[in-house]
Amino acid sequence: MYTMKQLSAYVSGNVQRVGYRARVIQLANGFGLKGFVENLSDERVRIIAQGEEEKLKLFEGALDIKNSLIKVSSIETEYS
């Protein structure tokens, strides 16, 4: 039996205006998750994702993106 959970994540670093939200949406779609992602005024990105706990855990690990543009420095998460 699968239990639906919700992940709230607050991501800090170089994550605005570098394609991070689009990448997060691609990842969420790949894991079959629902939710939204938005820029916050303090330069962080907020992610709310809902789905099976196992998939949310994998998704959480995939949020730590570092490439030529995107540099995640920290991720605060909470499950409910």
N, C-alpha and C. Protein backbone atom coordinates (compact mmCIF):
# COMPACT_ATOMS: atom_id res chain seq x y z
N MET A 1 0.84 -1.19 0.00
CA MET A 1 0.00 0.00 0.00
C MET A 1 0.89 1.25 0.00
N TYR A 2 0.55 2.19 -0.84
CA TYR A 2 1.32 3.43 -0.93
C TYR A 2 0.63 4.52 -0.13
N THR A 3 1.42 5.25 0.62
CA THR A 3 0.90 6.36 1.40
C THR A 3 1.32 7.65 0.71
N MET A 4 0.35 8.52 0.49
CA MET A 4 0.66 9.82 -0.10
C MET A 4 1.26 10.72 0.96
N LYS A 5 2.34 11.38 0.61
CA LYS A 5 3.01 12.30 1.51
C LYS A 5 3.22 13.62 0.77
N GLN A 6 3.59 14.63 1.54
CA GLN A 6 3.94 15.92 0.94
C GLN A 6 5.32 16.32 1.41
N LEU A 7 6.13 16.75 0.47
CA LEU A 7 7.47 17.27 0.75
C LEU A 7 7.44 18.77 0.53
N SER A 8 7.90 19.51 1.55
CA SER A 8 8.12 20.95 1.41
C SER A 8 9.62 21.16 1.46
N ALA A 9 10.17 21.80 0.45
CA ALA A 9 11.62 22.02 0.39
C ALA A 9 11.90 23.49 0.11
N TYR A 10 12.88 24.01 0.85
CA TYR A 10 13.35 25.38 0.64
C TYR A 10 14.80 25.29 0.22
N VAL A 11 15.09 25.72 -1.00
CA VAL A 11 16.41 25.53 -1.61
C VAL A 11 17.14 26.87 -1.70
N SER A 12 18.37 26.89 -1.18
CA SER A 12 19.21 28.10 -1.21
C SER A 12 20.38 27.88 -2.15
N GLY A 13 20.97 28.99 -2.58
CA GLY A 13 22.13 28.95 -3.47
C GLY A 13 21.84 29.77 -4.71
N ASN A 14 22.56 29.48 -5.78
CA ASN A 14 22.32 30.15 -7.05
C ASN A 14 21.24 29.37 -7.79
N VAL A 15 19.96 29.64 -7.42
CA VAL A 15 18.84 28.84 -7.92
C VAL A 15 17.74 29.66 -8.59
N GLN A 16 17.92 30.98 -8.68
CA GLN A 16 16.92 31.79 -9.38
C GLN A 16 17.52 32.32 -10.67
N ARG A 17 16.69 32.35 -11.72
CA ARG A 17 17.08 32.86 -13.05
C ARG A 17 18.21 32.03 -13.69
N VAL A 18 18.28 30.75 -13.37
CA VAL A 18 19.30 29.87 -13.96
C VAL A 18 18.71 28.56 -14.49
N GLY A 19 17.37 28.47 -14.54
CA GLY A 19 16.73 27.26 -15.05
C GLY A 19 16.45 26.19 -14.00
N TYR A 20 16.64 26.54 -12.73
CA TYR A 20 16.44 25.54 -11.67
C TYR A 20 14.99 25.09 -11.58
N ARG A 21 14.05 26.02 -11.61
CA ARG A 21 12.64 25.63 -11.48
C ARG A 21 12.22 24.70 -12.62
N ALA A 22 12.65 25.00 -13.84
CA ALA A 22 12.31 24.14 -14.99
C ALA A 22 12.86 22.74 -14.79
N ARG A 23 14.08 22.65 -14.25
CA ARG A 23 14.70 21.34 -14.01
C ARG A 23 13.93 20.58 -12.93
N VAL A 24 13.49 21.29 -11.89
CA VAL A 24 12.72 20.66 -10.81
C VAL A 24 11.40 20.11 -11.35
N ILE A 25 10.76 20.87 -12.23
CA ILE A 25 9.50 20.41 -12.84
C ILE A 25 9.73 19.15 -13.65
N GLN A 26 10.83 19.12 -14.43
CA GLN A 26 11.17 17.91 -15.20
C GLN A 26 11.35 16.71 -14.26
N LEU A 27 12.08 16.91 -13.18
CA LEU A 27 12.33 15.83 -12.21
C LEU A 27 11.02 15.34 -11.60
N ALA A 28 10.18 16.28 -11.18
CA ALA A 28 8.90 15.92 -10.55
C ALA A 28 8.03 15.11 -11.52
N ASN A 29 7.97 15.57 -12.77
CA ASN A 29 7.19 14.83 -13.77
C ASN A 29 7.74 13.43 -13.96
N GLY A 30 9.06 13.31 -13.97
CA GLY A 30 9.70 12.01 -14.13
C GLY A 30 9.37 11.04 -13.00
N PHE A 31 9.19 11.58 -11.80
CA PHE A 31 8.85 10.75 -10.64
C PHE A 31 7.34 10.60 -10.45
N GLY A 32 6.56 11.25 -11.32
CA GLY A 32 5.10 11.17 -11.22
C GLY A 32 4.54 11.93 -10.03
N LEU A 33 5.18 13.02 -9.65
CA LEU A 33 4.76 13.81 -8.50
C LEU A 33 3.93 15.01 -8.94
N LYS A 34 3.11 15.52 -8.02
CA LYS A 34 2.31 16.72 -8.26
C LYS A 34 2.80 17.81 -7.31
N GLY A 35 2.54 19.06 -7.66
CA GLY A 35 2.91 20.14 -6.76
C GLY A 35 3.24 21.41 -7.52
N PHE A 36 4.11 22.23 -6.91
CA PHE A 36 4.51 23.48 -7.55
C PHE A 36 5.87 23.91 -7.05
N VAL A 37 6.46 24.84 -7.78
CA VAL A 37 7.77 25.40 -7.42
C VAL A 37 7.69 26.90 -7.68
N GLU A 38 8.25 27.69 -6.74
CA GLU A 38 8.18 29.14 -6.90
C GLU A 38 9.41 29.82 -6.34
N ASN A 39 9.75 30.97 -6.93
CA ASN A 39 10.83 31.81 -6.41
C ASN A 39 10.30 32.57 -5.19
N LEU A 40 11.14 32.69 -4.17
CA LEU A 40 10.81 33.49 -3.00
C LEU A 40 11.61 34.79 -3.04
N SER A 41 11.14 35.81 -2.36
CA SER A 41 11.79 37.13 -2.40
C SER A 41 13.18 37.12 -1.75
N ASP A 42 13.47 36.11 -0.91
CA ASP A 42 14.79 36.03 -0.25
C ASP A 42 15.82 35.23 -1.06
N GLU A 43 15.54 35.04 -2.37
CA GLU A 43 16.44 34.33 -3.30
C GLU A 43 16.39 32.81 -3.19
N ARG A 44 15.55 32.28 -2.32
CA ARG A 44 15.38 30.83 -2.24
C ARG A 44 14.28 30.41 -3.20
N VAL A 45 14.19 29.09 -3.41
CA VAL A 45 13.11 28.50 -4.20
C VAL A 45 12.34 27.56 -3.28
N ARG A 46 11.01 27.67 -3.31
CA ARG A 46 10.17 26.79 -2.51
C ARG A 46 9.56 25.73 -3.42
N ILE A 47 9.63 24.48 -2.97
CA ILE A 47 9.09 23.36 -3.73
C ILE A 47 8.10 22.62 -2.84
N ILE A 48 6.89 22.40 -3.36
CA ILE A 48 5.90 21.57 -2.68
C ILE A 48 5.61 20.42 -3.64
N ALA A 49 5.84 19.19 -3.18
CA ALA A 49 5.61 18.02 -4.03
C ALA A 49 4.81 16.99 -3.25
N GLN A 50 3.89 16.34 -3.94
CA GLN A 50 3.05 15.31 -3.33
C GLN A 50 3.15 14.03 -4.13
N GLY A 51 3.22 12.91 -3.40
CA GLY A 51 3.29 11.62 -4.07
C GLY A 51 3.66 10.53 -3.09
N GLU A 52 4.10 9.41 -3.62
CA GLU A 52 4.50 8.28 -2.79
C GLU A 52 5.80 8.62 -2.08
N GLU A 53 5.89 8.23 -0.81
CA GLU A 53 7.05 8.58 0.01
C GLU A 53 8.37 8.16 -0.63
N GLU A 54 8.41 6.96 -1.18
CA GLU A 54 9.64 6.45 -1.80
C GLU A 54 10.10 7.36 -2.95
N LYS A 55 9.14 7.79 -3.79
CA LYS A 55 9.47 8.67 -4.91
C LYS A 55 9.88 10.05 -4.42
N LEU A 56 9.24 10.53 -3.36
CA LEU A 56 9.60 11.85 -2.80
C LEU A 56 11.03 11.83 -2.27
N LYS A 57 11.46 10.73 -1.65
CA LYS A 57 12.83 10.62 -1.14
C LYS A 57 13.83 10.69 -2.29
N LEU A 58 13.55 9.98 -3.38
CA LEU A 58 14.43 10.02 -4.56
C LEU A 58 14.46 11.42 -5.16
N PHE A 59 13.29 12.05 -5.24
CA PHE A 59 13.16 13.41 -5.76
C PHE A 59 13.97 14.38 -4.90
N GLU A 60 13.86 14.23 -3.59
CA GLU A 60 14.61 15.10 -2.66
C GLU A 60 16.11 15.03 -2.95
N GLY A 61 16.62 13.83 -3.15
CA GLY A 61 18.04 13.67 -3.45
C GLY A 61 18.43 14.31 -4.77
N ALA A 62 17.51 14.31 -5.72
CA ALA A 62 17.79 14.86 -7.06
C ALA A 62 17.74 16.39 -7.08
N LEU A 63 17.22 17.01 -6.03
CA LEU A 63 17.11 18.48 -5.99
C LEU A 63 18.46 19.17 -5.82
N ASP A 64 19.46 18.44 -5.35
CA ASP A 64 20.78 19.01 -5.07
C ASP A 64 21.58 19.09 -6.37
N ILE A 65 21.24 20.08 -7.19
CA ILE A 65 21.83 20.23 -8.52
C ILE A 65 23.01 21.20 -8.47
N LYS A 66 24.11 20.80 -9.09
CA LYS A 66 25.25 21.69 -9.24
C LYS A 66 25.77 21.51 -10.67
N ASN A 67 25.69 22.59 -11.45
CA ASN A 67 26.25 22.55 -12.80
C ASN A 67 26.83 23.93 -13.10
N SER A 68 27.04 24.26 -14.35
CA SER A 68 27.69 25.53 -14.69
C SER A 68 26.87 26.75 -14.26
N LEU A 69 25.55 26.61 -14.17
CA LEU A 69 24.69 27.74 -13.78
C LEU A 69 24.09 27.57 -12.39
N ILE A 70 23.59 26.38 -12.11
CA ILE A 70 22.86 26.11 -10.87
C ILE A 70 23.83 25.61 -9.80
N LYS A 71 23.77 26.24 -8.63
CA LYS A 71 24.61 25.79 -7.52
C LYS A 71 23.78 25.78 -6.24
N VAL A 72 23.21 24.64 -5.91
CA VAL A 72 22.43 24.51 -4.67
C VAL A 72 23.40 24.47 -3.51
N SER A 73 23.17 25.32 -2.50
CA SER A 73 24.05 25.32 -1.33
C SER A 73 23.40 24.63 -0.14
N SER A 74 22.07 24.71 -0.01
CA SER A 74 21.40 23.99 1.07
C SER A 74 19.95 23.74 0.73
N ILE A 75 19.41 22.67 1.34
CA ILE A 75 18.01 22.30 1.14
C ILE A 75 17.42 22.00 2.51
N GLU A 76 16.38 22.72 2.88
CA GLU A 76 15.66 22.43 4.12
C GLU A 76 14.38 21.70 3.71
N THR A 77 14.13 20.53 4.31
CA THR A 77 12.95 19.76 3.91
C THR A 77 12.10 19.40 5.13
N GLU A 78 10.84 19.19 4.83
CA GLU A 78 9.88 18.78 5.85
C GLU A 78 8.83 17.90 5.16
N TYR A 79 8.50 16.78 5.80
CA TYR A 79 7.48 15.88 5.27
C TYR A 79 6.22 15.99 6.10
N SER A 80 5.08 15.89 5.44
CA SER A 80 3.81 15.87 6.15
C SER A 80 2.86 14.92 5.45
